Amino acid sequence: MIAGSCLCGAIRFRAEAAARPVWACHCSQCRKTSGHYWAATMVPRSALVIEGEAALRWYASSEKARRGFCGTCGASLFWDLLGEDHVSIAAGALDGPTGLTLVKHIHCATKGDYYEIEPGPDRAEGD
């Protein structure tokens, strides 16, 4: 099980299912949403329990996906690919210890010019 919250605590969540290892997305949308790159795990939608949904806001960031954030403190929490059975959860919003590891970087070709990607995890250059 994993659990976490937004910065102010208005939204708490938990998932009673195995979480995917963490992936880091370097696309421009994720960088603008998070302030750097977006690191996230993923769980089945049916396993995700959200408390404080009154504070949860969704932004349609494309025709295919939406991003969930706290309307009180602004913390980025979820990335939801519409029509899929899974929801991505911001790794930084999780309570520790998580037991998760960063295993993959995606959209590396569009990373910011101000940083380098650390060696180690797999990299996917394109979309």
Protein backbone atom coordinates (compact mmCIF):
# COMPACT_ATOMS: atom_id res chain seq x y z
CA MET A 1 0.00 0.00 0.00
CA ILE A 2 1.12 3.55 -0.69
CA ALA A 3 -0.32 6.73 0.79
CA GLY A 4 0.28 10.44 0.57
CA SER A 5 -1.16 13.92 0.56
CA CYS A 6 -0.92 17.41 -0.82
CA LEU A 7 1.18 20.05 0.95
CA CYS A 8 -1.65 21.44 3.10
CA GLY A 9 -3.28 18.07 3.86
CA ALA A 10 -6.67 18.95 2.32
CA ILE A 11 -6.28 15.93 0.02
CA ARG A 12 -5.09 12.54 1.24
CA PHE A 13 -4.93 9.42 -0.85
CA ARG A 14 -3.98 5.76 -0.64
CA ALA A 15 -3.79 2.82 -2.96
CA GLU A 16 -4.12 -0.74 -1.78
CA ALA A 17 -2.37 -2.25 -4.79
CA ALA A 18 1.18 -2.66 -6.00
CA ALA A 19 2.55 0.59 -7.36
CA ARG A 20 4.64 0.68 -10.51
CA PRO A 21 8.27 1.79 -10.07
CA VAL A 22 8.80 5.52 -10.56
CA TRP A 23 9.23 7.03 -14.03
CA ALA A 24 10.53 10.57 -14.60
CA CYS A 25 8.91 12.51 -17.44
CA HIS A 26 10.87 15.40 -18.96
CA CYS A 27 8.22 16.73 -21.39
CA SER A 28 7.44 20.45 -21.31
CA GLN A 29 3.97 19.94 -19.81
CA CYS A 30 5.34 17.92 -16.87
CA ARG A 31 8.15 20.42 -16.31
CA LYS A 32 5.72 23.34 -16.29
CA THR A 33 3.32 21.51 -13.96
CA SER A 34 5.94 20.44 -11.45
CA GLY A 35 8.65 23.08 -11.78
CA HIS A 36 11.20 20.45 -12.87
CA TYR A 37 10.56 16.98 -14.22
CA TRP A 38 7.56 14.93 -13.09
CA ALA A 39 8.37 11.77 -11.13
CA ALA A 40 5.43 9.44 -10.70
CA THR A 41 4.30 5.97 -9.86
CA MET A 42 1.11 4.41 -11.18
CA VAL A 43 -1.69 2.36 -9.61
CA PRO A 44 -4.93 0.82 -10.85
CA ARG A 45 -7.72 3.41 -10.80
CA SER A 46 -9.91 0.99 -8.84
CA ALA A 47 -7.31 0.84 -6.03
CA LEU A 48 -6.99 4.61 -5.55
CA VAL A 49 -8.95 6.11 -2.65
CA ILE A 50 -9.00 9.91 -2.41
CA GLU A 51 -10.13 11.76 0.72
CA GLY A 52 -10.85 15.48 0.48
CA GLU A 53 -12.09 15.37 -3.11
CA ALA A 54 -13.80 18.73 -2.55
CA ALA A 55 -10.34 20.33 -2.74
CA LEU A 56 -9.28 18.32 -5.81
CA ARG A 57 -9.22 20.22 -9.10
CA TRP A 58 -8.65 18.75 -12.55
CA TYR A 59 -7.00 20.55 -15.45
CA ALA A 60 -7.46 19.14 -18.97
CA SER A 61 -3.84 19.44 -20.14
CA SER A 62 -4.62 17.83 -23.49
CA GLU A 63 -7.44 16.01 -25.27
CA LYS A 64 -6.07 12.75 -23.84
CA ALA A 65 -5.07 13.59 -20.26
CA ARG A 66 -5.89 15.64 -17.21
CA ARG A 67 -3.84 16.67 -14.19
CA GLY A 68 -5.14 16.65 -10.63
CA PHE A 69 -4.01 19.23 -8.09
CA CYS A 70 -5.05 20.68 -4.76
CA GLY A 71 -7.22 23.76 -5.14
CA THR A 72 -6.05 25.00 -1.74
CA CYS A 73 -2.24 24.68 -1.84
CA GLY A 74 -1.72 24.00 -5.56
CA ALA A 75 0.22 20.75 -5.12
CA SER A 76 0.37 18.60 -8.27
CA LEU A 77 -0.83 15.11 -7.37
CA PHE A 78 -2.18 13.09 -10.29
CA TRP A 79 -1.84 12.56 -14.02
CA ASP A 80 -4.80 10.76 -15.56
CA LEU A 81 -4.68 9.38 -19.11
CA LEU A 82 -8.36 9.32 -20.03
CA GLY A 83 -9.85 5.93 -20.82
CA GLU A 84 -7.05 3.98 -19.12
CA ASP A 85 -7.35 1.77 -16.04
CA HIS A 86 -4.44 3.40 -14.18
CA VAL A 87 -3.70 6.79 -12.59
CA SER A 88 -0.22 8.27 -12.11
CA ILE A 89 0.61 9.67 -8.67
CA ALA A 90 3.34 12.21 -7.94
CA ALA A 91 6.17 10.39 -6.18
CA GLY A 92 6.96 13.51 -4.15
CA ALA A 93 3.47 13.49 -2.63
CA LEU A 94 3.92 10.00 -1.16
CA ASP A 95 4.51 9.36 2.52
CA GLY A 96 7.71 7.41 3.07
CA PRO A 97 9.18 5.03 3.14
CA THR A 98 7.72 3.97 -0.21
CA GLY A 99 10.06 1.15 -1.21
CA LEU A 100 9.86 2.49 -4.78
CA THR A 101 12.79 3.26 -7.08
CA LEU A 102 13.25 5.46 -10.14
CA VAL A 103 13.68 3.07 -13.08
CA LYS A 104 12.99 5.08 -16.24
CA HIS A 105 13.26 8.55 -17.78
CA ILE A 106 10.87 9.41 -20.61
CA HIS A 107 10.67 12.28 -23.13
CA CYS A 108 14.37 12.95 -22.58
CA ALA A 109 14.76 14.71 -25.93
CA THR A 110 12.58 17.57 -24.64
CA LYS A 111 14.24 17.96 -21.22
CA GLY A 112 15.16 21.40 -19.95
CA ASP A 113 18.52 22.79 -21.01
CA TYR A 114 19.49 23.68 -17.44
CA TYR A 115 20.10 20.12 -16.20
CA GLU A 116 21.50 16.73 -17.16
CA ILE A 117 19.77 13.43 -16.53
CA GLU A 118 21.66 11.35 -14.00
CA PRO A 119 23.10 8.06 -15.18
CA GLY A 120 21.39 4.87 -14.11
CA PRO A 121 17.75 4.37 -15.06
CA ASP A 122 16.68 3.57 -18.64
CA ARG A 123 16.03 6.51 -20.98
CA ALA A 124 13.50 7.00 -23.76
CA GLU A 125 14.48 9.90 -26.00
CA GLY A 126 11.27 10.36 -28.00
CA ASP A 127 7.59 10.17 -27.35
